[in-house]
Structure formats: C-alpha cells, structure tokens
Amino acid sequence: MNWSKAKTILIIVFLIADIFLFYELYSGVIRSRNSIDDQKVQEVMDLLQSKGVFINCTIPKANGSKKPLSIKCKSIDTQFALEKFFEDPQKALIHNYDDKTVIEDEGIYVEINKMGELIYKNKLLMENQPEVVDEKIALSKIEEFYNIIGIKNNEIYDSKKNIEGNYLEMYCSQGYKNTFIDRTYIEVKATNSGVAYMKILWFEIEDNDKNKNNIIHPLRALLELSELYEGYDGNIIINEISLGYYFNTDMEEVKEFDMTEVKEGKAIPAWKISTSMGDIYINAYNGTVEKK
C-alpha cells in the first residue's frame, strides 16, 4: 500500500470534515440568533393553528440586537405655553388641578396633562369653517406649529391624513431610527388659517445606553402569545407583527401606586402583535408579556 498517498488522502478528508463541521456550527449560531428556516416556521405555524391562533401577516425577521432608550416626555410647561400660544399672556387664566394645568383666554385653550399629554384648541378655528381647506396650505400651517413646539420631521414614524368637512385631519406617531415608539401620537386638525386642534404625547430621546442585547425571534413571541390565551375557546387572528419600543404610561397602573405622573424612564424593544383580541406587547429581550 502507498502509505504516503493514503496519508495525503486522510489529511484531505479530515480537512474537509473540519470545514464542514465549522460551517454547520457557525451557520447554526447565525440561524438561532437571526433567523429560523422555513421548515421551523411552518412547524410553529402548524402548532399555533392547532391552538386556534392564525397568522394573517408576514412574519418579520429578528433584527440582531438593540439597546434600550432613555426617554422623557416632551417638556411643555406653563411659561412655554403662555409665550408660544397666547397673543397677550397677561389676559390668560391659569387653572391648576391635581392631574393637569389649564390655560385659556377668549380664543385659545391649552391643557397640559401631568402624564405628558398636551391639548391645544383654537376656539375660533374650531367653529365651522365655511372656506374649503387647501391641503397644501393646511400642511404648511401644521409644519409651522411643529416648529413652534419643537417636533422634527425625522421624528415622525407614520402619518395618516384625510379631509373631513373643511379641515385637514392628521394622525402621526413617533419613531426612532425607523422603529416605532409606542403610545406616542399627534392628532391634529388644521384649516387654511392655522391649527384648530392638536393633541400630542411625544418623547425626547437620549441615546446614551451602550449595552445592546439580542432580540428574540418573533416566533418565540408568538409562542408566548399562544400560552397567554391557553384555554380560550375562539380563534385568534394575528394581523400584524412589528418591532418597536415600548414605554408603559398606563394611567390605571400609575394610580395603583398613588402616582400622578410618569414622565421619563426606559423604553425597551418589544414585539407588538396586533390581534383580533387587541394589541399584545412581548418583551423582545426575554419573551415576557409586557401588556395585553
């Protein structure tokens, strides 16, 4: 036997085997962290269907790792409101309550809620407007108002608009690096003369956390959902799955601790699962249910 030739063949065989094992191990790590193959997806979907959970949307991919955000409610205090919204601040009446401050005169009403929400009304523009709204002009009035309160266009994640009567109505939510921040909103009605109504809950974001954590695959979040509704007799339809930031501003939970305001804290990545039963939030770090 030609031992030299056999030795060479064995070396080549072991080298190929090492390469194959390395590839399998490495690709397995990648799959476990960032994606799951189609067969596994189908297995999970079959399991969910057997429990009455039906997916009517695309399952997104896991997005590697994300860090939490330090956020606080956008600061609009009494002095700011008087200077920005009232022609003659001295004529405005200020009413302080436990949960809010109200400032108003004959034309303007402003409510500053201690949970961070701001409501603005122009009483004259809220009356029936005979002039047909011009969308382009009304949009420019909204942008002017955004500038007054310090809202930037790149902070807007999603927006919807429609013409209702003689008003342009818009609804917007806040985003950060193309990811939504839940519980945020701007509701606005505008005319050719200006903003007639606005309700807003917005956050200032401090990107100062250096610790990134891996995001669980959305299939794991779906399995948590199936456990949550274990024993439910009807079917549950899942219409959307999306990854965003979640910050609990639930007033009922706050009341349990005798608190009047929650203005800052940590927003964590969460899978938002929109279902026929409502929206469910699953912690994207550990899979626990944050809100149902």
Protein backbone atom coordinates (compact mmCIF):
# COMPACT_ATOMS: atom_id res chain seq x y z
CA MET A 1 0.00 0.00 0.00
CA ASN A 2 1.20 3.51 -0.78
CA TRP A 3 1.10 4.94 2.77
CA SER A 4 2.23 8.36 1.60
CA LYS A 5 -0.73 8.62 -0.78
CA ALA A 6 -3.14 7.25 1.84
CA LYS A 7 -1.85 9.75 4.41
CA THR A 8 -2.46 12.60 1.97
CA ILE A 9 -5.99 11.40 1.30
CA LEU A 10 -6.76 11.13 5.04
CA ILE A 11 -5.45 14.67 5.63
CA ILE A 12 -7.70 15.99 2.86
CA VAL A 13 -10.72 14.05 4.22
CA PHE A 14 -10.20 15.37 7.78
CA LEU A 15 -9.68 18.91 6.46
CA ILE A 16 -12.98 18.75 4.53
CA ALA A 17 -14.70 17.33 7.63
CA ASP A 18 -13.35 20.18 9.79
CA ILE A 19 -14.56 22.76 7.29
CA PHE A 20 -17.99 21.09 7.15
CA LEU A 21 -18.31 21.00 10.98
CA PHE A 22 -17.20 24.61 11.28
CA TYR A 23 -19.77 25.68 8.70
CA GLU A 24 -22.57 23.74 10.40
CA LEU A 25 -21.74 25.11 13.86
CA TYR A 26 -21.31 28.69 12.65
CA SER A 27 -24.43 28.72 10.48
CA GLY A 28 -26.36 27.15 13.35
CA VAL A 29 -25.43 30.05 15.60
CA ILE A 30 -26.49 32.51 12.94
CA ARG A 31 -29.82 30.73 12.47
CA SER A 32 -30.53 30.59 16.19
CA ARG A 33 -29.88 34.31 16.61
CA ASN A 34 -31.18 35.91 13.45
CA SER A 35 -33.45 33.58 11.55
CA ILE A 36 -35.26 30.27 11.55
CA ASP A 37 -35.55 28.10 8.46
CA ASP A 38 -38.82 27.72 6.57
CA GLN A 39 -39.46 24.25 7.97
CA LYS A 40 -39.28 25.50 11.54
CA VAL A 41 -41.53 28.44 10.69
CA GLN A 42 -44.12 26.07 9.27
CA GLU A 43 -43.87 23.78 12.32
CA VAL A 44 -44.56 26.71 14.65
CA MET A 45 -47.43 27.97 12.47
CA ASP A 46 -48.98 24.48 12.48
CA LEU A 47 -48.66 24.35 16.28
CA LEU A 48 -50.28 27.78 16.62
CA GLN A 49 -53.14 26.80 14.33
CA SER A 50 -53.77 23.70 16.43
CA LYS A 51 -54.26 26.11 19.35
CA GLY A 52 -56.60 28.38 17.39
CA VAL A 53 -54.03 31.08 16.54
CA PHE A 54 -53.99 32.02 12.84
CA ILE A 55 -51.35 34.28 11.28
CA ASN A 56 -52.71 36.67 8.64
CA CYS A 57 -49.49 38.63 8.01
CA THR A 58 -45.81 38.32 7.19
CA ILE A 59 -43.52 37.16 10.00
CA PRO A 60 -40.62 39.64 10.18
CA LYS A 61 -37.01 38.67 10.68
CA ALA A 62 -35.23 39.10 14.00
CA ASN A 63 -33.10 42.27 13.95
CA GLY A 64 -29.97 41.14 15.79
CA SER A 65 -29.52 43.31 18.88
CA LYS A 66 -30.91 46.58 20.16
CA LYS A 67 -30.33 48.76 23.19
CA PRO A 68 -33.00 50.32 25.41
CA LEU A 69 -33.70 54.04 25.13
CA SER A 70 -33.80 56.61 27.91
CA ILE A 71 -36.83 58.77 27.19
CA LYS A 72 -38.78 61.57 28.81
CA CYS A 73 -41.97 63.37 27.90
CA LYS A 74 -41.51 66.45 25.78
CA SER A 75 -41.37 69.36 28.19
CA ILE A 76 -44.07 71.97 27.60
CA ASP A 77 -44.66 73.97 30.76
CA THR A 78 -46.95 76.87 31.62
CA GLN A 79 -44.43 79.57 30.74
CA PHE A 80 -43.70 77.99 27.35
CA ALA A 81 -47.42 77.74 26.57
CA LEU A 82 -48.07 81.36 27.55
CA GLU A 83 -45.24 82.62 25.34
CA LYS A 84 -45.95 80.44 22.28
CA PHE A 85 -49.74 80.13 22.13
CA PHE A 86 -51.19 83.38 23.52
CA GLU A 87 -51.02 86.86 21.97
CA ASP A 88 -51.39 88.53 25.38
CA PRO A 89 -50.22 86.13 28.14
CA GLN A 90 -51.38 88.51 30.87
CA LYS A 91 -55.01 88.03 29.84
CA ALA A 92 -54.81 84.23 30.01
CA LEU A 93 -56.35 82.47 33.01
CA ILE A 94 -54.39 79.62 34.63
CA HIS A 95 -56.17 76.81 36.49
CA ASN A 96 -54.05 74.24 38.34
CA TYR A 97 -55.52 70.82 39.10
CA ASP A 98 -54.04 67.64 40.59
CA ASP A 99 -53.58 65.98 37.22
CA LYS A 100 -53.35 68.90 34.78
CA THR A 101 -52.96 72.63 34.19
CA VAL A 102 -55.45 74.54 32.04
CA ILE A 103 -54.62 77.89 30.42
CA GLU A 104 -57.17 79.77 28.36
CA ASP A 105 -58.41 83.11 27.11
CA GLU A 106 -61.24 84.05 24.74
CA GLY A 107 -59.55 82.42 21.75
CA ILE A 108 -57.14 79.72 22.93
CA TYR A 109 -57.45 76.69 25.25
CA VAL A 110 -54.36 74.73 26.38
CA GLU A 111 -54.35 71.70 28.65
CA ILE A 112 -51.05 70.33 30.00
CA ASN A 113 -51.61 66.86 31.40
CA LYS A 114 -49.17 65.60 34.05
CA MET A 115 -48.88 62.31 32.15
CA GLY A 116 -47.19 64.31 29.37
CA GLU A 117 -50.13 64.92 27.06
CA LEU A 118 -50.77 68.37 25.58
CA ILE A 119 -54.12 69.52 24.17
CA TYR A 120 -54.37 72.73 22.17
CA LYS A 121 -57.57 74.31 20.81
CA ASN A 122 -58.09 77.46 18.79
CA LYS A 123 -61.70 78.20 19.68
CA LEU A 124 -62.33 80.41 16.67
CA LEU A 125 -60.94 77.87 14.19
CA MET A 126 -62.85 75.04 15.87
CA GLU A 127 -66.08 76.69 14.79
CA ASN A 128 -67.49 75.61 11.44
CA GLN A 129 -65.19 76.82 8.69
CA PRO A 130 -67.00 77.95 5.51
CA GLU A 131 -63.77 78.05 3.48
CA VAL A 132 -62.83 74.83 1.69
CA VAL A 133 -59.49 73.61 3.05
CA ASP A 134 -56.46 73.67 0.75
CA GLU A 135 -54.35 70.63 1.72
CA LYS A 136 -51.02 72.23 0.83
CA ILE A 137 -51.75 75.40 2.84
CA ALA A 138 -53.08 73.42 5.83
CA LEU A 139 -49.98 71.20 5.80
CA SER A 140 -47.75 74.27 5.92
CA LYS A 141 -49.71 75.51 8.96
CA ILE A 142 -49.18 72.16 10.68
CA GLU A 143 -45.44 72.28 9.96
CA GLU A 144 -45.28 75.80 11.41
CA PHE A 145 -46.94 74.51 14.57
CA TYR A 146 -44.47 71.59 14.72
CA ASN A 147 -41.63 74.11 14.62
CA ILE A 148 -43.16 76.07 17.49
CA ILE A 149 -43.28 73.04 19.80
CA GLY A 150 -40.04 71.51 18.53
CA ILE A 151 -41.20 68.50 16.51
CA LYS A 152 -38.82 67.45 13.72
CA ASN A 153 -39.92 65.71 10.54
CA ASN A 154 -37.42 62.86 11.05
CA GLU A 155 -39.12 62.03 14.36
CA ILE A 156 -42.37 61.10 12.62
CA TYR A 157 -42.63 57.35 12.05
CA ASP A 158 -46.04 57.08 10.46
CA SER A 159 -48.72 59.56 9.43
CA LYS A 160 -52.22 59.38 8.01
CA LYS A 161 -54.28 62.26 6.69
CA ASN A 162 -57.73 62.90 5.32
CA ILE A 163 -60.10 65.78 4.58
CA GLU A 164 -63.07 65.90 6.95
CA GLY A 165 -65.51 68.75 6.36
CA ASN A 166 -63.39 71.86 5.91
CA TYR A 167 -60.48 70.52 7.96
CA LEU A 168 -57.33 68.61 7.15
CA GLU A 169 -57.00 65.88 9.78
CA MET A 170 -53.72 64.08 10.50
CA TYR A 171 -52.62 61.34 12.86
CA CYS A 172 -48.90 60.74 13.43
CA SER A 173 -46.76 58.50 15.63
CA GLN A 174 -43.15 58.92 16.72
CA GLY A 175 -40.22 56.83 15.57
CA TYR A 176 -36.53 56.35 16.26
CA LYS A 177 -34.20 55.08 13.54
CA ASN A 178 -37.10 53.65 11.52
CA THR A 179 -38.55 51.86 14.57
CA PHE A 180 -41.83 52.94 16.13
CA ILE A 181 -42.14 54.24 19.69
CA ASP A 182 -45.42 53.01 21.04
CA ARG A 183 -48.00 55.13 22.90
CA THR A 184 -46.90 58.27 21.02
CA TYR A 185 -49.30 60.28 18.88
CA ILE A 186 -50.17 63.59 17.33
CA GLU A 187 -53.82 64.22 16.44
CA VAL A 188 -54.28 67.48 14.57
CA LYS A 189 -56.99 69.40 12.69
CA ALA A 190 -55.94 72.35 10.54
CA THR A 191 -57.55 74.94 8.29
CA ASN A 192 -56.11 77.41 5.80
CA SER A 193 -55.75 79.84 8.71
CA GLY A 194 -53.88 77.58 11.13
CA VAL A 195 -54.09 74.67 13.56
CA ALA A 196 -57.54 74.39 15.13
CA TYR A 197 -56.86 71.40 17.39
CA MET A 198 -53.91 69.30 18.45
CA LYS A 199 -53.44 66.51 20.98
CA ILE A 200 -49.91 65.21 21.43
CA LEU A 201 -47.86 62.80 23.51
CA TRP A 202 -44.23 62.89 22.38
CA PHE A 203 -40.86 61.90 23.85
CA GLU A 204 -37.38 63.34 23.96
CA ILE A 205 -34.87 60.54 23.41
CA GLU A 206 -31.47 60.12 24.99
CA ASP A 207 -29.45 57.53 23.13
CA ASN A 208 -26.97 57.02 25.96
CA ASP A 209 -27.20 53.30 26.71
CA LYS A 210 -24.20 51.39 25.35
CA ASN A 211 -25.45 47.89 26.20
CA LYS A 212 -27.07 46.07 23.32
CA ASN A 213 -28.99 42.86 23.92
CA ASN A 214 -30.05 40.18 21.47
CA ILE A 215 -33.61 40.29 20.17
CA ILE A 216 -35.67 37.11 20.38
CA HIS A 217 -37.14 35.74 17.18
CA PRO A 218 -40.79 36.76 16.64
CA LEU A 219 -41.75 33.07 16.56
CA ARG A 220 -40.85 32.85 20.22
CA ALA A 221 -43.05 35.86 20.89
CA LEU A 222 -45.88 34.10 19.05
CA LEU A 223 -45.42 31.01 21.22
CA GLU A 224 -45.68 33.22 24.30
CA LEU A 225 -48.92 34.58 22.84
CA SER A 226 -50.35 31.08 22.42
CA GLU A 227 -49.57 30.32 26.07
CA LEU A 228 -51.23 33.57 27.10
CA TYR A 229 -54.53 32.51 25.53
CA GLU A 230 -54.31 28.87 26.54
CA GLY A 231 -57.86 27.63 27.11
CA TYR A 232 -59.54 30.37 25.04
CA ASP A 233 -62.39 28.78 23.06
CA GLY A 234 -62.43 31.04 20.00
CA ASN A 235 -59.88 31.66 17.26
CA ILE A 236 -57.29 34.45 17.44
CA ILE A 237 -56.26 36.20 14.22
CA ILE A 238 -52.85 37.88 14.07
CA ASN A 239 -52.94 40.83 11.66
CA GLU A 240 -49.51 42.41 12.19
CA ILE A 241 -46.19 41.73 13.93
CA SER A 242 -43.75 44.60 14.33
CA LEU A 243 -40.73 45.50 16.43
CA GLY A 244 -40.66 48.79 18.29
CA TYR A 245 -40.01 50.49 21.61
CA TYR A 246 -42.48 50.17 24.45
CA PHE A 247 -42.81 52.54 27.43
CA ASN A 248 -45.56 51.92 29.96
CA THR A 249 -47.65 55.05 30.51
CA ASP A 250 -50.79 53.23 31.66
CA MET A 251 -52.75 55.59 33.93
CA GLU A 252 -54.50 52.75 35.76
CA GLU A 253 -51.20 51.16 36.76
CA VAL A 254 -49.89 54.53 37.86
CA LYS A 255 -52.93 55.07 40.07
CA GLU A 256 -52.26 51.80 41.86
CA PHE A 257 -49.06 53.33 43.21
CA ASP A 258 -50.66 56.71 44.04
CA MET A 259 -48.53 58.47 41.44
CA THR A 260 -49.75 61.46 39.43
CA GLU A 261 -47.16 61.45 36.67
CA VAL A 262 -44.75 59.23 34.78
CA LYS A 263 -42.59 61.45 32.58
CA GLU A 264 -39.38 59.52 31.99
CA GLY A 265 -37.88 56.06 32.05
CA LYS A 266 -36.58 53.26 29.86
CA ALA A 267 -38.23 52.25 26.61
CA ILE A 268 -37.44 48.63 25.80
CA PRO A 269 -37.61 46.80 22.47
CA ALA A 270 -40.83 44.81 22.21
CA TRP A 271 -42.67 42.76 19.63
CA LYS A 272 -46.09 44.30 19.09
CA ILE A 273 -48.58 41.66 17.98
CA SER A 274 -51.85 43.09 16.70
CA THR A 275 -54.59 40.51 17.08
CA SER A 276 -58.35 40.22 16.90
CA MET A 277 -58.21 40.38 20.72
CA GLY A 278 -56.22 43.62 20.74
CA ASP A 279 -52.53 44.54 20.82
CA ILE A 280 -50.10 42.38 22.80
CA TYR A 281 -46.57 43.51 23.71
CA ILE A 282 -43.89 40.88 24.20
CA ASN A 283 -40.54 41.90 25.69
CA ALA A 284 -38.05 41.40 22.83
CA TYR A 285 -35.24 40.57 25.27
CA ASN A 286 -36.77 37.81 27.36
CA GLY A 287 -40.19 36.99 25.90
CA THR A 288 -42.27 38.11 28.88
CA VAL A 289 -45.67 39.71 28.27
CA GLU A 290 -45.42 43.47 28.94
CA LYS A 291 -49.01 44.43 28.14
CA LYS A 292 -52.17 42.72 26.98
